[in-house]
Amino acid sequence: MVSNQLSVEVVFAAPDRQMLISLRLPVGATVREAALQSGLQAHFAGLDLAAAPLGIFGKIVTSPETQRLEEGDRVEIYRPLLADPKEVRKRRAAQAAERARNADQR
């Protein structure tokens, strides 16, 4: 017997807590639909499920409005970055170089 429903999970992690919701959705449901159906916006202030970047098992989904889900997928809702990781690394490297120069001058 072929089921017309599939089971997926939707997850979101804030800095202080995370939540996982299990859903049964109709076959053909999209990644964005799963996020919207999760109801997670009611638990996290400021979470915009209609616009948030989404992924499946750690891989960003470039078109969540059209990408269909598969049985067992885990939809991940991503938070916006507070700082660009490249810039943070550059700043740390510059600070380390400055400390090394200061240590050599002593």
C-alpha atoms as a PDB file:
ATOM      1  CA  MET A   1       0.000   0.000   0.000  1.00  0.00           C
ATOM      2  CA  VAL A   2       1.394   3.368  -1.034  1.00  0.00           C
ATOM      3  CA  SER A   3       0.842   6.161   1.467  1.00  0.00           C
ATOM      4  CA  ASN A   4      -0.182   9.617   0.323  1.00  0.00           C
ATOM      5  CA  GLN A   5       1.540  11.119   3.388  1.00  0.00           C
ATOM      6  CA  LEU A   6       5.162  11.457   4.390  1.00  0.00           C
ATOM      7  CA  SER A   7       6.863  12.006   7.730  1.00  0.00           C
ATOM      8  CA  VAL A   8       9.349  14.849   8.104  1.00  0.00           C
ATOM      9  CA  GLU A   9      10.922  16.830  10.918  1.00  0.00           C
ATOM     10  CA  VAL A  10      11.361  20.595  11.132  1.00  0.00           C
ATOM     11  CA  VAL A  11      14.030  22.015  13.428  1.00  0.00           C
ATOM     12  CA  PHE A  12      15.074  25.464  14.602  1.00  0.00           C
ATOM     13  CA  ALA A  13      17.811  26.402  17.046  1.00  0.00           C
ATOM     14  CA  ALA A  14      18.042  29.749  18.794  1.00  0.00           C
ATOM     15  CA  PRO A  15      21.117  30.595  20.887  1.00  0.00           C
ATOM     16  CA  ASP A  16      19.304  29.581  24.074  1.00  0.00           C
ATOM     17  CA  ARG A  17      17.087  26.671  22.975  1.00  0.00           C
ATOM     18  CA  GLN A  18      16.040  24.473  20.099  1.00  0.00           C
ATOM     19  CA  MET A  19      12.873  22.772  18.987  1.00  0.00           C
ATOM     20  CA  LEU A  20      12.065  19.816  16.734  1.00  0.00           C
ATOM     21  CA  ILE A  21       8.586  19.229  15.327  1.00  0.00           C
ATOM     22  CA  SER A  22       7.507  15.997  13.602  1.00  0.00           C
ATOM     23  CA  LEU A  23       4.940  16.424  10.841  1.00  0.00           C
ATOM     24  CA  ARG A  24       2.881  14.285   8.486  1.00  0.00           C
ATOM     25  CA  LEU A  25       2.412  16.105   5.205  1.00  0.00           C
ATOM     26  CA  PRO A  26       0.884  15.146   1.861  1.00  0.00           C
ATOM     27  CA  VAL A  27       3.245  13.716  -0.736  1.00  0.00           C
ATOM     28  CA  GLY A  28       4.348  16.640  -2.903  1.00  0.00           C
ATOM     29  CA  ALA A  29       4.650  19.120  -0.009  1.00  0.00           C
ATOM     30  CA  THR A  30       7.492  21.612  -0.343  1.00  0.00           C
ATOM     31  CA  VAL A  31      10.273  22.551   2.037  1.00  0.00           C
ATOM     32  CA  ARG A  32       8.695  25.976   2.670  1.00  0.00           C
ATOM     33  CA  GLU A  33       5.290  24.393   3.346  1.00  0.00           C
ATOM     34  CA  ALA A  34       6.848  22.155   6.005  1.00  0.00           C
ATOM     35  CA  ALA A  35       8.424  25.168   7.706  1.00  0.00           C
ATOM     36  CA  LEU A  36       5.145  27.065   7.664  1.00  0.00           C
ATOM     37  CA  GLN A  37       3.161  24.052   8.915  1.00  0.00           C
ATOM     38  CA  SER A  38       5.571  23.554  11.824  1.00  0.00           C
ATOM     39  CA  GLY A  39       4.139  26.517  13.742  1.00  0.00           C
ATOM     40  CA  LEU A  40       7.599  27.301  15.141  1.00  0.00           C
ATOM     41  CA  GLN A  41       7.074  31.058  14.741  1.00  0.00           C
ATOM     42  CA  ALA A  42       4.707  30.861  17.721  1.00  0.00           C
ATOM     43  CA  HIS A  43       7.618  29.688  19.899  1.00  0.00           C
ATOM     44  CA  PHE A  44      10.376  32.054  18.710  1.00  0.00           C
ATOM     45  CA  ALA A  45       9.851  35.807  18.593  1.00  0.00           C
ATOM     46  CA  GLY A  46      10.874  37.372  15.307  1.00  0.00           C
ATOM     47  CA  LEU A  47      11.093  34.094  13.355  1.00  0.00           C
ATOM     48  CA  ASP A  48       9.762  34.712   9.838  1.00  0.00           C
ATOM     49  CA  LEU A  49       9.077  31.290   8.326  1.00  0.00           C
ATOM     50  CA  ALA A  50       7.941  32.819   5.040  1.00  0.00           C
ATOM     51  CA  ALA A  51      11.393  34.309   4.417  1.00  0.00           C
ATOM     52  CA  ALA A  52      13.876  32.328   6.537  1.00  0.00           C
ATOM     53  CA  PRO A  53      16.613  30.409   4.718  1.00  0.00           C
ATOM     54  CA  LEU A  54      15.966  26.660   4.814  1.00  0.00           C
ATOM     55  CA  GLY A  55      17.959  23.496   4.380  1.00  0.00           C
ATOM     56  CA  ILE A  56      17.642  19.733   4.484  1.00  0.00           C
ATOM     57  CA  PHE A  57      20.162  17.784   6.564  1.00  0.00           C
ATOM     58  CA  GLY A  58      22.660  20.671   6.595  1.00  0.00           C
ATOM     59  CA  LYS A  59      22.430  21.561   2.898  1.00  0.00           C
ATOM     60  CA  ILE A  60      20.892  24.897   1.979  1.00  0.00           C
ATOM     61  CA  VAL A  61      17.816  24.645  -0.254  1.00  0.00           C
ATOM     62  CA  THR A  62      17.971  27.312  -2.951  1.00  0.00           C
ATOM     63  CA  SER A  63      14.278  27.121  -3.905  1.00  0.00           C
ATOM     64  CA  PRO A  64      12.301  25.969  -0.864  1.00  0.00           C
ATOM     65  CA  GLU A  65       9.019  27.080  -2.448  1.00  0.00           C
ATOM     66  CA  THR A  66       9.331  24.437  -5.171  1.00  0.00           C
ATOM     67  CA  GLN A  67      11.617  21.717  -3.784  1.00  0.00           C
ATOM     68  CA  ARG A  68       9.553  18.679  -2.834  1.00  0.00           C
ATOM     69  CA  LEU A  69      10.142  16.809   0.396  1.00  0.00           C
ATOM     70  CA  GLU A  70      11.025  13.158   0.656  1.00  0.00           C
ATOM     71  CA  GLU A  71      10.121  10.698   3.395  1.00  0.00           C
ATOM     72  CA  GLY A  72      12.251  11.273   6.493  1.00  0.00           C
ATOM     73  CA  ASP A  73      13.671  14.674   5.487  1.00  0.00           C
ATOM     74  CA  ARG A  74      14.766  17.006   8.283  1.00  0.00           C
ATOM     75  CA  VAL A  75      13.989  20.615   7.339  1.00  0.00           C
ATOM     76  CA  GLU A  76      16.294  23.085   9.071  1.00  0.00           C
ATOM     77  CA  ILE A  77      15.374  26.719   9.567  1.00  0.00           C
ATOM     78  CA  TYR A  78      18.457  28.935   9.598  1.00  0.00           C
ATOM     79  CA  ARG A  79      18.957  32.146  11.546  1.00  0.00           C
ATOM     80  CA  PRO A  80      20.603  35.145   9.891  1.00  0.00           C
ATOM     81  CA  LEU A  81      24.313  35.439  10.650  1.00  0.00           C
ATOM     82  CA  LEU A  82      25.175  38.152  13.154  1.00  0.00           C
ATOM     83  CA  ALA A  83      28.687  38.490  11.717  1.00  0.00           C
ATOM     84  CA  ASP A  84      30.305  37.311   8.498  1.00  0.00           C
ATOM     85  CA  PRO A  85      32.577  34.378   9.454  1.00  0.00           C
ATOM     86  CA  LYS A  86      35.241  35.539   6.975  1.00  0.00           C
ATOM     87  CA  GLU A  87      35.365  38.965   8.564  1.00  0.00           C
ATOM     88  CA  VAL A  88      35.568  37.478  12.055  1.00  0.00           C
ATOM     89  CA  ARG A  89      38.534  35.292  11.006  1.00  0.00           C
ATOM     90  CA  LYS A  90      40.292  38.269   9.381  1.00  0.00           C
ATOM     91  CA  ARG A  91      39.797  40.377  12.492  1.00  0.00           C
ATOM     92  CA  ARG A  92      41.123  37.580  14.746  1.00  0.00           C
ATOM     93  CA  ALA A  93      44.179  37.082  12.505  1.00  0.00           C
ATOM     94  CA  ALA A  94      44.901  40.823  12.537  1.00  0.00           C
ATOM     95  CA  GLN A  95      44.632  40.913  16.331  1.00  0.00           C
ATOM     96  CA  ALA A  96      46.982  37.916  16.667  1.00  0.00           C
ATOM     97  CA  ALA A  97      49.501  39.558  14.331  1.00  0.00           C
ATOM     98  CA  GLU A  98      49.318  42.774  16.350  1.00  0.00           C
ATOM     99  CA  ARG A  99      49.916  40.878  19.602  1.00  0.00           C
ATOM    100  CA  ALA A 100      52.890  39.085  18.028  1.00  0.00           C
ATOM    101  CA  ARG A 101      54.395  42.436  16.880  1.00  0.00           C
ATOM    102  CA  ASN A 102      53.888  43.890  20.366  1.00  0.00           C
ATOM    103  CA  ALA A 103      55.528  40.854  21.968  1.00  0.00           C
ATOM    104  CA  ASP A 104      58.550  41.135  19.614  1.00  0.00           C
ATOM    105  CA  GLN A 105      59.049  44.801  20.548  1.00  0.00           C
ATOM    106  CA  ARG A 106      59.438  43.984  24.235  1.00  0.00           C
END
